[in-house]
Amino acid sequence: MCLAVPLKLIEIEGNDGVAERDGITRSVRLDFIKEPRLGDYVIVHAGFAIERLNEAQALADIEAAKEIEDELRKLCV
């Protein structure tokens, strides 16, 4: 199963970019994002940025993901 995750664009070169969350970076393709800009939050699925998010929504989604990750870590101990 693949998940789409919100990441922040930190590098852009043509249709290639680098996006980050919590210090972890991923190479992403930007073909589906019109006029991507540094600092944009995007939803990334299978290496492609598929949608731009506003910052408030992105941060809320990231916080929700962290809560789930914390609970899953508790189960694995």
N, C-alpha and C. Protein backbone atom coordinates (compact mmCIF):
# COMPACT_ATOMS: atom_id res chain seq x y z
N MET A 1 0.85 -1.17 0.00
CA MET A 1 0.00 0.00 0.00
C MET A 1 0.89 1.23 0.00
N CYS A 2 0.50 2.24 -0.75
CA CYS A 2 1.22 3.51 -0.79
C CYS A 2 0.37 4.58 -0.14
N LEU A 3 1.03 5.51 0.51
CA LEU A 3 0.35 6.64 1.12
C LEU A 3 0.80 7.93 0.48
N ALA A 4 -0.06 8.90 0.43
CA ALA A 4 0.31 10.23 0.00
C ALA A 4 0.62 11.03 1.26
N VAL A 5 1.73 11.74 1.25
CA VAL A 5 2.15 12.47 2.45
C VAL A 5 2.43 13.94 2.12
N PRO A 6 2.16 14.84 3.08
CA PRO A 6 2.48 16.25 2.86
C PRO A 6 3.96 16.51 3.13
N LEU A 7 4.61 17.19 2.21
CA LEU A 7 6.01 17.56 2.33
C LEU A 7 6.18 19.00 1.88
N LYS A 8 7.26 19.64 2.34
CA LYS A 8 7.55 21.03 1.99
C LYS A 8 8.65 21.07 0.95
N LEU A 9 8.42 21.81 -0.14
CA LEU A 9 9.42 21.94 -1.20
C LEU A 9 10.60 22.79 -0.73
N ILE A 10 11.81 22.22 -0.83
CA ILE A 10 13.00 22.96 -0.40
C ILE A 10 13.98 23.18 -1.55
N GLU A 11 13.80 22.48 -2.67
CA GLU A 11 14.62 22.69 -3.86
C GLU A 11 13.75 22.45 -5.09
N ILE A 12 13.97 23.26 -6.11
CA ILE A 12 13.25 23.09 -7.38
C ILE A 12 14.24 23.31 -8.51
N GLU A 13 14.24 22.37 -9.46
CA GLU A 13 15.02 22.52 -10.69
C GLU A 13 14.18 21.94 -11.82
N GLY A 14 13.51 22.81 -12.54
CA GLY A 14 12.62 22.35 -13.60
C GLY A 14 11.45 21.59 -12.98
N ASN A 15 11.22 20.37 -13.46
CA ASN A 15 10.14 19.53 -12.91
C ASN A 15 10.63 18.59 -11.83
N ASP A 16 11.87 18.74 -11.41
CA ASP A 16 12.41 17.93 -10.32
C ASP A 16 12.50 18.79 -9.07
N GLY A 17 12.25 18.19 -7.93
CA GLY A 17 12.35 18.93 -6.69
C GLY A 17 12.80 18.03 -5.56
N VAL A 18 13.06 18.67 -4.44
CA VAL A 18 13.35 17.96 -3.20
C VAL A 18 12.37 18.51 -2.18
N ALA A 19 11.73 17.60 -1.46
CA ALA A 19 10.76 17.98 -0.44
C ALA A 19 11.17 17.34 0.88
N GLU A 20 10.71 17.95 1.99
CA GLU A 20 11.19 17.57 3.30
C GLU A 20 10.08 17.54 4.33
N ARG A 21 10.25 16.65 5.30
CA ARG A 21 9.43 16.63 6.51
C ARG A 21 10.29 16.08 7.63
N ASP A 22 10.40 16.82 8.70
CA ASP A 22 11.15 16.39 9.89
C ASP A 22 12.58 15.99 9.57
N GLY A 23 13.22 16.72 8.66
CA GLY A 23 14.61 16.47 8.33
C GLY A 23 14.85 15.35 7.33
N ILE A 24 13.79 14.69 6.90
CA ILE A 24 13.90 13.61 5.91
C ILE A 24 13.52 14.19 4.56
N THR A 25 14.39 14.01 3.57
CA THR A 25 14.14 14.57 2.24
C THR A 25 13.81 13.47 1.24
N ARG A 26 13.05 13.87 0.24
CA ARG A 26 12.65 12.96 -0.84
C ARG A 26 12.77 13.71 -2.16
N SER A 27 13.22 13.01 -3.18
CA SER A 27 13.17 13.56 -4.54
C SER A 27 11.74 13.43 -5.02
N VAL A 28 11.24 14.49 -5.65
CA VAL A 28 9.86 14.47 -6.14
C VAL A 28 9.80 15.06 -7.54
N ARG A 29 8.84 14.60 -8.31
CA ARG A 29 8.54 15.19 -9.62
C ARG A 29 7.43 16.20 -9.42
N LEU A 30 7.51 17.30 -10.16
CA LEU A 30 6.58 18.41 -9.98
C LEU A 30 5.69 18.63 -11.20
N ASP A 31 5.57 17.64 -12.06
CA ASP A 31 4.82 17.77 -13.31
C ASP A 31 3.37 18.21 -13.11
N PHE A 32 2.76 17.84 -12.00
CA PHE A 32 1.33 18.10 -11.80
C PHE A 32 1.05 19.38 -11.01
N ILE A 33 2.10 20.08 -10.59
CA ILE A 33 1.93 21.30 -9.79
C ILE A 33 2.21 22.52 -10.67
N LYS A 34 1.21 23.36 -10.81
CA LYS A 34 1.38 24.56 -11.63
C LYS A 34 2.20 25.59 -10.84
N GLU A 35 3.29 26.04 -11.43
CA GLU A 35 4.17 27.05 -10.85
C GLU A 35 4.57 26.74 -9.41
N PRO A 36 5.25 25.61 -9.18
CA PRO A 36 5.69 25.31 -7.82
C PRO A 36 6.69 26.35 -7.31
N ARG A 37 6.62 26.63 -6.01
CA ARG A 37 7.51 27.61 -5.39
C ARG A 37 8.15 27.00 -4.14
N LEU A 38 9.36 27.45 -3.86
CA LEU A 38 10.02 27.02 -2.64
C LEU A 38 9.13 27.36 -1.45
N GLY A 39 9.02 26.43 -0.52
CA GLY A 39 8.19 26.64 0.66
C GLY A 39 6.78 26.13 0.51
N ASP A 40 6.36 25.80 -0.73
CA ASP A 40 5.03 25.21 -0.92
C ASP A 40 4.96 23.87 -0.21
N TYR A 41 3.79 23.58 0.35
CA TYR A 41 3.51 22.23 0.85
C TYR A 41 2.76 21.50 -0.25
N VAL A 42 3.17 20.27 -0.50
CA VAL A 42 2.54 19.45 -1.53
C VAL A 42 2.26 18.05 -0.99
N ILE A 43 1.24 17.43 -1.54
CA ILE A 43 0.96 16.02 -1.24
C ILE A 43 1.77 15.21 -2.24
N VAL A 44 2.56 14.26 -1.74
CA VAL A 44 3.42 13.44 -2.59
C VAL A 44 2.95 12.00 -2.53
N HIS A 45 2.77 11.42 -3.71
CA HIS A 45 2.37 10.02 -3.84
C HIS A 45 3.24 9.38 -4.91
N ALA A 46 3.90 8.30 -4.55
CA ALA A 46 4.73 7.54 -5.49
C ALA A 46 5.75 8.43 -6.20
N GLY A 47 6.30 9.40 -5.45
CA GLY A 47 7.35 10.24 -6.00
C GLY A 47 6.87 11.45 -6.79
N PHE A 48 5.56 11.63 -6.91
CA PHE A 48 5.00 12.76 -7.63
C PHE A 48 4.23 13.68 -6.68
N ALA A 49 4.50 14.98 -6.76
CA ALA A 49 3.68 15.96 -6.06
C ALA A 49 2.37 16.04 -6.84
N ILE A 50 1.27 15.72 -6.17
CA ILE A 50 -0.01 15.64 -6.88
C ILE A 50 -0.97 16.77 -6.54
N GLU A 51 -0.68 17.52 -5.47
CA GLU A 51 -1.58 18.61 -5.09
C GLU A 51 -0.84 19.56 -4.16
N ARG A 52 -1.11 20.84 -4.29
CA ARG A 52 -0.58 21.85 -3.37
C ARG A 52 -1.54 21.99 -2.20
N LEU A 53 -0.99 22.14 -0.99
CA LEU A 53 -1.79 22.35 0.21
C LEU A 53 -1.49 23.73 0.78
N ASN A 54 -2.49 24.34 1.43
CA ASN A 54 -2.16 25.56 2.16
C ASN A 54 -1.43 25.14 3.44
N GLU A 55 -0.64 26.06 3.98
CA GLU A 55 0.23 25.72 5.10
C GLU A 55 -0.54 25.20 6.32
N ALA A 56 -1.66 25.82 6.64
CA ALA A 56 -2.44 25.39 7.81
C ALA A 56 -2.89 23.94 7.67
N GLN A 57 -3.39 23.57 6.50
CA GLN A 57 -3.83 22.19 6.29
C GLN A 57 -2.66 21.23 6.33
N ALA A 58 -1.54 21.60 5.71
CA ALA A 58 -0.36 20.75 5.70
C ALA A 58 0.13 20.50 7.12
N LEU A 59 0.22 21.55 7.92
CA LEU A 59 0.71 21.38 9.29
C LEU A 59 -0.24 20.54 10.13
N ALA A 60 -1.55 20.69 9.92
CA ALA A 60 -2.53 19.86 10.62
C ALA A 60 -2.38 18.40 10.22
N ASP A 61 -2.18 18.14 8.93
CA ASP A 61 -2.00 16.77 8.45
C ASP A 61 -0.72 16.15 9.00
N ILE A 62 0.36 16.95 9.03
CA ILE A 62 1.63 16.46 9.56
C ILE A 62 1.49 16.13 11.05
N GLU A 63 0.80 16.97 11.80
CA GLU A 63 0.59 16.72 13.22
C GLU A 63 -0.22 15.44 13.44
N ALA A 64 -1.26 15.25 12.64
CA ALA A 64 -2.07 14.03 12.74
C ALA A 64 -1.22 12.80 12.44
N ALA A 65 -0.37 12.88 11.43
CA ALA A 65 0.50 11.75 11.08
C ALA A 65 1.46 11.44 12.22
N LYS A 66 1.99 12.48 12.88
CA LYS A 66 2.90 12.27 14.01
C LYS A 66 2.20 11.56 15.15
N GLU A 67 0.95 11.93 15.41
CA GLU A 67 0.18 11.28 16.48
C GLU A 67 0.00 9.79 16.18
N ILE A 68 -0.31 9.47 14.94
CA ILE A 68 -0.47 8.07 14.55
C ILE A 68 0.86 7.33 14.67
N GLU A 69 1.93 7.95 14.21
CA GLU A 69 3.26 7.32 14.30
C GLU A 69 3.63 7.06 15.75
N ASP A 70 3.36 8.01 16.64
CA ASP A 70 3.66 7.81 18.07
C ASP A 70 2.89 6.63 18.64
N GLU A 71 1.62 6.51 18.29
CA GLU A 71 0.81 5.39 18.79
C GLU A 71 1.32 4.05 18.24
N LEU A 72 1.71 4.04 16.97
CA LEU A 72 2.23 2.81 16.38
C LEU A 72 3.55 2.40 17.05
N ARG A 73 4.40 3.37 17.38
CA ARG A 73 5.65 3.06 18.09
C ARG A 73 5.37 2.39 19.43
N LYS A 74 4.35 2.85 20.13
CA LYS A 74 3.99 2.26 21.43
C LYS A 74 3.62 0.78 21.26
N LEU A 75 2.96 0.46 20.16
CA LEU A 75 2.54 -0.92 19.93
C LEU A 75 3.71 -1.83 19.59
N CYS A 76 4.78 -1.25 19.06
CA CYS A 76 5.93 -2.05 18.62
C CYS A 76 6.98 -2.25 19.71
N VAL A 77 6.75 -1.70 20.88
CA VAL A 77 7.75 -1.82 21.95
C VAL A 77 7.59 -3.11 22.69
